[in-house]
Each structure stands twice: as structure tokens, then as C-alpha cells.
Amino acid sequence: MDCKHYGKIDGMDPYATSKDFAYIPQEREKLIPLDPEVKLVVNSALCLRTEKFGTASIVEGSFKSIITPDTARLLEELRGKTFTLSFISSEYGIELDTLRNFFANLHKQKVICLYE
């Protein structure tokens, strides 16, 4: 039996042995936090769909992530506006380091874009 898998195989078929599996490590891109003064915009192709477990962010028909209702409201407020992370930090009282990492993920998912 040949099988490829990602991650751990704990809890899988008890008759399968480790020699039956070829582990494929996932390569992760190193996330680069955004500059607090870079101008950003919410992607115009972003659609938000509310579910009972959170809000799905969808860009150009492709699912990107589940976000909290607070994040969804923030993205709706920022839609159509140019903003910086410094502005969000001062306006909403959110720590800048947290914003830099969080928005870097949103940028990687194409939920937000650099203003051109």
C-alpha cells in the first residue's frame, strides 16, 4: 500500500504502518510583517459570507479564510478607502505588532492589497 500524506498520521488506520506512507513536508513561506506606513486597500473583489461559525472571506470566487465578525466589520468599514496600519492602530487602539502580522496574512491571502 502506497499513500502520501501531509502532517501526522496519528489516529489513522491502526493497520497502516509508517513504512506504508511517504511524508511530504509542507513548505511555508516566511511571513513578512507589513510596514505601518504603507498604504493599503481592501480588495474590491472581496466577498464576505456570514456563517454561524464566523465569516468566510472569498476573493474572486476562491475561499481564503474564516474571520471574526469584528474583523469583517472592520474590512467593511475600510472598503473603498485607503488606509495605513498606523491609522488603524491609533483609530481602534490595536497594538501595531499584532496588526502588522494579521494584515500580512490578509495581504498574503489577497484580502487586502497595496494601494497603487
N, C-alpha and C. Protein backbone atom coordinates (compact mmCIF):
# COMPACT_ATOMS: atom_id res chain seq x y z
N MET A 1 0.85 -1.18 0.00
CA MET A 1 0.00 0.00 0.00
C MET A 1 0.89 1.23 0.00
N ASP A 2 0.70 2.10 -0.97
CA ASP A 2 1.44 3.36 -1.02
C ASP A 2 0.47 4.51 -0.79
N CYS A 3 0.86 5.42 0.06
CA CYS A 3 0.00 6.54 0.40
C CYS A 3 0.87 7.76 0.68
N LYS A 4 0.42 8.91 0.21
CA LYS A 4 1.12 10.16 0.52
C LYS A 4 0.24 10.95 1.47
N HIS A 5 0.85 11.63 2.42
CA HIS A 5 0.07 12.40 3.37
C HIS A 5 0.84 13.63 3.80
N TYR A 6 0.12 14.59 4.36
CA TYR A 6 0.70 15.79 4.92
C TYR A 6 0.49 15.76 6.42
N GLY A 7 1.49 16.08 7.19
CA GLY A 7 1.34 16.14 8.64
C GLY A 7 1.40 14.78 9.30
N LYS A 8 0.79 14.69 10.49
CA LYS A 8 0.84 13.47 11.29
C LYS A 8 -0.18 12.45 10.81
N ILE A 9 0.06 11.19 11.14
CA ILE A 9 -0.90 10.14 10.79
C ILE A 9 -1.54 9.56 12.05
N ASP A 10 -1.39 10.24 13.18
CA ASP A 10 -1.99 9.77 14.44
C ASP A 10 -3.49 9.60 14.25
N GLY A 11 -4.01 8.52 14.75
CA GLY A 11 -5.45 8.29 14.72
C GLY A 11 -5.94 7.76 13.38
N MET A 12 -5.04 7.47 12.46
CA MET A 12 -5.47 6.92 11.19
C MET A 12 -5.61 5.40 11.31
N ASP A 13 -5.70 4.75 10.23
CA ASP A 13 -5.88 3.30 10.18
C ASP A 13 -4.84 2.60 11.06
N PRO A 14 -5.28 1.86 12.11
CA PRO A 14 -4.33 1.21 13.01
C PRO A 14 -3.52 0.10 12.34
N TYR A 15 -3.96 -0.39 11.19
CA TYR A 15 -3.23 -1.44 10.49
C TYR A 15 -2.16 -0.89 9.56
N ALA A 16 -2.20 0.40 9.32
CA ALA A 16 -1.19 1.02 8.47
C ALA A 16 0.08 1.22 9.29
N THR A 17 1.19 1.02 8.68
CA THR A 17 2.47 1.23 9.37
C THR A 17 3.20 2.38 8.71
N SER A 18 4.16 2.91 9.41
CA SER A 18 4.87 4.08 8.90
C SER A 18 5.60 3.79 7.59
N LYS A 19 5.95 2.54 7.33
CA LYS A 19 6.63 2.23 6.07
C LYS A 19 5.70 2.34 4.87
N ASP A 20 4.38 2.37 5.12
CA ASP A 20 3.40 2.48 4.04
C ASP A 20 3.19 3.91 3.57
N PHE A 21 3.76 4.88 4.27
CA PHE A 21 3.46 6.28 3.99
C PHE A 21 4.70 7.05 3.55
N ALA A 22 4.53 7.91 2.60
CA ALA A 22 5.60 8.82 2.17
C ALA A 22 5.21 10.21 2.67
N TYR A 23 5.93 10.71 3.65
CA TYR A 23 5.62 12.01 4.24
C TYR A 23 6.08 13.12 3.30
N ILE A 24 5.19 14.05 3.01
CA ILE A 24 5.51 15.20 2.17
C ILE A 24 5.46 16.44 3.05
N PRO A 25 6.62 17.00 3.40
CA PRO A 25 6.61 18.19 4.26
C PRO A 25 6.04 19.40 3.52
N GLN A 26 5.26 20.20 4.22
CA GLN A 26 4.70 21.40 3.62
C GLN A 26 5.69 22.54 3.79
N GLU A 27 5.97 23.20 2.70
CA GLU A 27 6.87 24.34 2.77
C GLU A 27 6.04 25.58 3.08
N ARG A 28 6.49 26.34 4.06
CA ARG A 28 5.77 27.55 4.44
C ARG A 28 6.59 28.76 4.06
N GLU A 29 5.90 29.74 3.51
CA GLU A 29 6.56 31.00 3.22
C GLU A 29 6.75 31.76 4.52
N LYS A 30 7.88 32.40 4.63
CA LYS A 30 8.09 33.23 5.81
C LYS A 30 7.25 34.48 5.64
N LEU A 31 6.45 34.77 6.64
CA LEU A 31 5.56 35.92 6.60
C LEU A 31 6.34 37.18 6.95
N ILE A 32 6.26 38.18 6.09
CA ILE A 32 6.95 39.44 6.33
C ILE A 32 5.92 40.46 6.78
N PRO A 33 6.04 40.95 8.04
CA PRO A 33 5.07 41.94 8.53
C PRO A 33 5.08 43.19 7.66
N LEU A 34 3.91 43.79 7.49
CA LEU A 34 3.78 44.98 6.65
C LEU A 34 4.32 46.21 7.36
N ASP A 35 4.83 47.15 6.59
CA ASP A 35 5.27 48.44 7.10
C ASP A 35 4.04 49.21 7.58
N PRO A 36 4.10 49.82 8.77
CA PRO A 36 2.93 50.53 9.31
C PRO A 36 2.49 51.73 8.48
N GLU A 37 3.38 52.26 7.63
CA GLU A 37 3.04 53.45 6.86
C GLU A 37 2.68 53.16 5.41
N VAL A 38 2.75 51.90 4.98
CA VAL A 38 2.40 51.56 3.60
C VAL A 38 0.89 51.72 3.43
N LYS A 39 0.48 52.27 2.29
CA LYS A 39 -0.94 52.47 2.02
C LYS A 39 -1.57 51.19 1.50
N LEU A 40 -2.71 50.84 2.07
CA LEU A 40 -3.41 49.60 1.75
C LEU A 40 -4.85 49.89 1.36
N VAL A 41 -5.47 48.95 0.65
CA VAL A 41 -6.90 49.00 0.33
C VAL A 41 -7.46 47.59 0.47
N VAL A 42 -8.75 47.50 0.75
CA VAL A 42 -9.43 46.21 0.77
C VAL A 42 -9.66 45.82 -0.69
N ASN A 43 -9.37 44.57 -1.02
CA ASN A 43 -9.54 44.08 -2.38
C ASN A 43 -10.99 44.28 -2.82
N SER A 44 -11.19 44.90 -3.97
CA SER A 44 -12.55 45.17 -4.45
C SER A 44 -13.29 43.87 -4.80
N ALA A 45 -12.55 42.79 -5.01
CA ALA A 45 -13.17 41.50 -5.34
C ALA A 45 -13.54 40.70 -4.09
N LEU A 46 -13.33 41.27 -2.89
CA LEU A 46 -13.62 40.56 -1.65
C LEU A 46 -15.13 40.43 -1.42
N CYS A 47 -15.56 39.22 -1.13
CA CYS A 47 -16.95 38.95 -0.72
C CYS A 47 -16.88 38.35 0.68
N LEU A 48 -17.77 38.78 1.54
CA LEU A 48 -17.85 38.23 2.90
C LEU A 48 -19.17 37.49 3.04
N ARG A 49 -19.10 36.25 3.53
CA ARG A 49 -20.29 35.43 3.72
C ARG A 49 -20.37 35.04 5.19
N THR A 50 -21.42 35.45 5.85
CA THR A 50 -21.60 35.16 7.27
C THR A 50 -22.11 33.74 7.47
N GLU A 51 -21.43 33.01 8.35
CA GLU A 51 -21.82 31.66 8.73
C GLU A 51 -21.98 31.65 10.24
N LYS A 52 -22.53 30.58 10.81
CA LYS A 52 -22.71 30.54 12.26
C LYS A 52 -21.39 30.41 13.01
N PHE A 53 -20.33 29.97 12.34
CA PHE A 53 -19.02 29.78 12.98
C PHE A 53 -18.06 30.93 12.70
N GLY A 54 -18.48 31.93 11.92
CA GLY A 54 -17.62 33.07 11.60
C GLY A 54 -17.99 33.61 10.23
N THR A 55 -17.12 34.41 9.66
CA THR A 55 -17.37 35.00 8.35
C THR A 55 -16.32 34.48 7.37
N ALA A 56 -16.79 33.96 6.25
CA ALA A 56 -15.88 33.45 5.22
C ALA A 56 -15.45 34.61 4.34
N SER A 57 -14.14 34.72 4.12
CA SER A 57 -13.64 35.72 3.18
C SER A 57 -13.35 35.00 1.87
N ILE A 58 -13.89 35.55 0.79
CA ILE A 58 -13.80 34.94 -0.53
C ILE A 58 -13.31 36.01 -1.50
N VAL A 59 -12.25 35.70 -2.24
CA VAL A 59 -11.71 36.63 -3.22
C VAL A 59 -11.75 35.97 -4.59
N GLU A 60 -12.46 36.62 -5.52
CA GLU A 60 -12.59 36.11 -6.88
C GLU A 60 -13.07 34.66 -6.90
N GLY A 61 -14.04 34.35 -6.05
CA GLY A 61 -14.62 33.02 -6.01
C GLY A 61 -13.81 31.98 -5.27
N SER A 62 -12.67 32.38 -4.71
CA SER A 62 -11.80 31.44 -4.01
C SER A 62 -11.84 31.71 -2.50
N PHE A 63 -12.17 30.69 -1.72
CA PHE A 63 -12.21 30.81 -0.26
C PHE A 63 -10.80 31.10 0.25
N LYS A 64 -10.70 32.08 1.17
CA LYS A 64 -9.39 32.45 1.72
C LYS A 64 -9.26 32.09 3.19
N SER A 65 -10.23 32.49 4.03
CA SER A 65 -10.13 32.19 5.46
C SER A 65 -11.45 32.48 6.15
N ILE A 66 -11.52 32.05 7.41
CA ILE A 66 -12.64 32.39 8.29
C ILE A 66 -12.15 33.53 9.19
N ILE A 67 -12.92 34.60 9.26
CA ILE A 67 -12.56 35.74 10.09
C ILE A 67 -13.67 35.98 11.11
N THR A 68 -13.33 36.72 12.16
CA THR A 68 -14.30 37.02 13.20
C THR A 68 -15.27 38.10 12.71
N PRO A 69 -16.43 38.23 13.36
CA PRO A 69 -17.36 39.30 12.99
C PRO A 69 -16.73 40.70 13.12
N ASP A 70 -15.87 40.89 14.13
CA ASP A 70 -15.20 42.18 14.30
C ASP A 70 -14.30 42.50 13.12
N THR A 71 -13.55 41.51 12.66
CA THR A 71 -12.67 41.71 11.50
C THR A 71 -13.51 41.99 10.25
N ALA A 72 -14.61 41.29 10.10
CA ALA A 72 -15.49 41.51 8.95
C ALA A 72 -16.04 42.93 8.95
N ARG A 73 -16.45 43.43 10.14
CA ARG A 73 -16.95 44.80 10.24
C ARG A 73 -15.85 45.81 9.89
N LEU A 74 -14.64 45.54 10.37
CA LEU A 74 -13.51 46.43 10.08
C LEU A 74 -13.25 46.47 8.57
N LEU A 75 -13.23 45.33 7.93
CA LEU A 75 -12.99 45.29 6.48
C LEU A 75 -14.10 46.01 5.72
N GLU A 76 -15.34 45.87 6.18
CA GLU A 76 -16.45 46.58 5.55
C GLU A 76 -16.29 48.09 5.72
N GLU A 77 -15.87 48.54 6.90
CA GLU A 77 -15.65 49.96 7.14
C GLU A 77 -14.53 50.51 6.27
N LEU A 78 -13.49 49.70 6.04
CA LEU A 78 -12.32 50.14 5.28
C LEU A 78 -12.50 49.98 3.77
N ARG A 79 -13.52 49.27 3.36
CA ARG A 79 -13.74 49.02 1.92
C ARG A 79 -13.89 50.36 1.18
N GLY A 80 -13.15 50.49 0.10
CA GLY A 80 -13.22 51.71 -0.71
C GLY A 80 -12.36 52.86 -0.20
N LYS A 81 -11.64 52.64 0.90
CA LYS A 81 -10.79 53.68 1.49
C LYS A 81 -9.34 53.24 1.44
N THR A 82 -8.45 54.22 1.40
CA THR A 82 -7.02 53.97 1.53
C THR A 82 -6.68 54.13 3.00
N PHE A 83 -5.89 53.22 3.56
CA PHE A 83 -5.56 53.28 4.99
C PHE A 83 -4.16 52.76 5.24
N THR A 84 -3.63 53.07 6.41
CA THR A 84 -2.34 52.53 6.85
C THR A 84 -2.58 51.79 8.16
N LEU A 85 -1.63 50.95 8.52
CA LEU A 85 -1.74 50.23 9.79
C LEU A 85 -1.60 51.19 10.97
N SER A 86 -0.82 52.24 10.80
CA SER A 86 -0.69 53.26 11.86
C SER A 86 -2.04 53.91 12.14
N PHE A 87 -2.79 54.20 11.08
CA PHE A 87 -4.12 54.79 11.23
C PHE A 87 -5.04 53.85 12.00
N ILE A 88 -5.05 52.57 11.62
CA ILE A 88 -5.92 51.60 12.30
C ILE A 88 -5.52 51.46 13.76
N SER A 89 -4.22 51.43 14.03
CA SER A 89 -3.73 51.31 15.39
C SER A 89 -4.20 52.47 16.25
N SER A 90 -4.07 53.68 15.74
CA SER A 90 -4.48 54.85 16.52
C SER A 90 -6.00 54.99 16.61
N GLU A 91 -6.69 54.66 15.52
CA GLU A 91 -8.14 54.81 15.48
C GLU A 91 -8.87 53.77 16.34
N TYR A 92 -8.37 52.54 16.35
CA TYR A 92 -9.07 51.44 17.03
C TYR A 92 -8.34 50.95 18.28
N GLY A 93 -7.16 51.50 18.57
CA GLY A 93 -6.42 51.12 19.78
C GLY A 93 -5.89 49.70 19.77
N ILE A 94 -5.47 49.23 18.59
CA ILE A 94 -4.93 47.88 18.46
C ILE A 94 -3.41 47.98 18.37
N GLU A 95 -2.73 47.07 19.06
CA GLU A 95 -1.27 47.06 19.07
C GLU A 95 -0.72 46.90 17.65
N LEU A 96 0.27 47.71 17.31
CA LEU A 96 0.81 47.75 15.96
C LEU A 96 1.44 46.43 15.51
N ASP A 97 2.16 45.75 16.40
CA ASP A 97 2.78 44.47 16.03
C ASP A 97 1.73 43.42 15.67
N THR A 98 0.64 43.40 16.41
CA THR A 98 -0.46 42.48 16.12
C THR A 98 -1.05 42.79 14.75
N LEU A 99 -1.26 44.06 14.47
CA LEU A 99 -1.81 44.46 13.18
C LEU A 99 -0.88 44.09 12.03
N ARG A 100 0.41 44.32 12.21
CA ARG A 100 1.38 44.05 11.15
C ARG A 100 1.34 42.57 10.73
N ASN A 101 1.30 41.69 11.71
CA ASN A 101 1.26 40.25 11.40
C ASN A 101 -0.09 39.82 10.83
N PHE A 102 -1.16 40.33 11.43
CA PHE A 102 -2.50 39.96 10.98
C PHE A 102 -2.74 40.43 9.55
N PHE A 103 -2.41 41.69 9.26
CA PHE A 103 -2.63 42.22 7.93
C PHE A 103 -1.65 41.62 6.91
N ALA A 104 -0.50 41.16 7.36
CA ALA A 104 0.41 40.45 6.46
C ALA A 104 -0.25 39.16 5.96
N ASN A 105 -0.97 38.48 6.85
CA ASN A 105 -1.72 37.28 6.44
C ASN A 105 -2.84 37.64 5.47
N LEU A 106 -3.57 38.72 5.76
CA LEU A 106 -4.64 39.15 4.86
C LEU A 106 -4.07 39.55 3.50
N HIS A 107 -2.89 40.16 3.51
CA HIS A 107 -2.24 40.55 2.25
C HIS A 107 -1.82 39.30 1.47
N LYS A 108 -1.28 38.32 2.16
CA LYS A 108 -0.87 37.07 1.51
C LYS A 108 -2.07 36.37 0.88
N GLN A 109 -3.24 36.48 1.53
CA GLN A 109 -4.47 35.86 1.02
C GLN A 109 -5.16 36.73 -0.03
N LYS A 110 -4.61 37.91 -0.31
CA LYS A 110 -5.15 38.87 -1.28
C LYS A 110 -6.48 39.46 -0.83
N VAL A 111 -6.74 39.45 0.47
CA VAL A 111 -7.92 40.10 1.03
C VAL A 111 -7.70 41.61 1.02
N ILE A 112 -6.47 42.04 1.30
CA ILE A 112 -6.10 43.45 1.17
C ILE A 112 -4.96 43.54 0.16
N CYS A 113 -4.80 44.72 -0.43
CA CYS A 113 -3.78 44.93 -1.45
C CYS A 113 -3.03 46.23 -1.15
N LEU A 114 -1.84 46.33 -1.71
CA LEU A 114 -1.10 47.58 -1.63
C LEU A 114 -1.79 48.60 -2.53
N TYR A 115 -1.88 49.84 -2.05
CA TYR A 115 -2.50 50.90 -2.83
C TYR A 115 -1.55 51.32 -3.95
N GLU A 116 -2.05 51.40 -5.15
CA GLU A 116 -1.20 51.79 -6.28
C GLU A 116 -1.57 53.15 -6.80
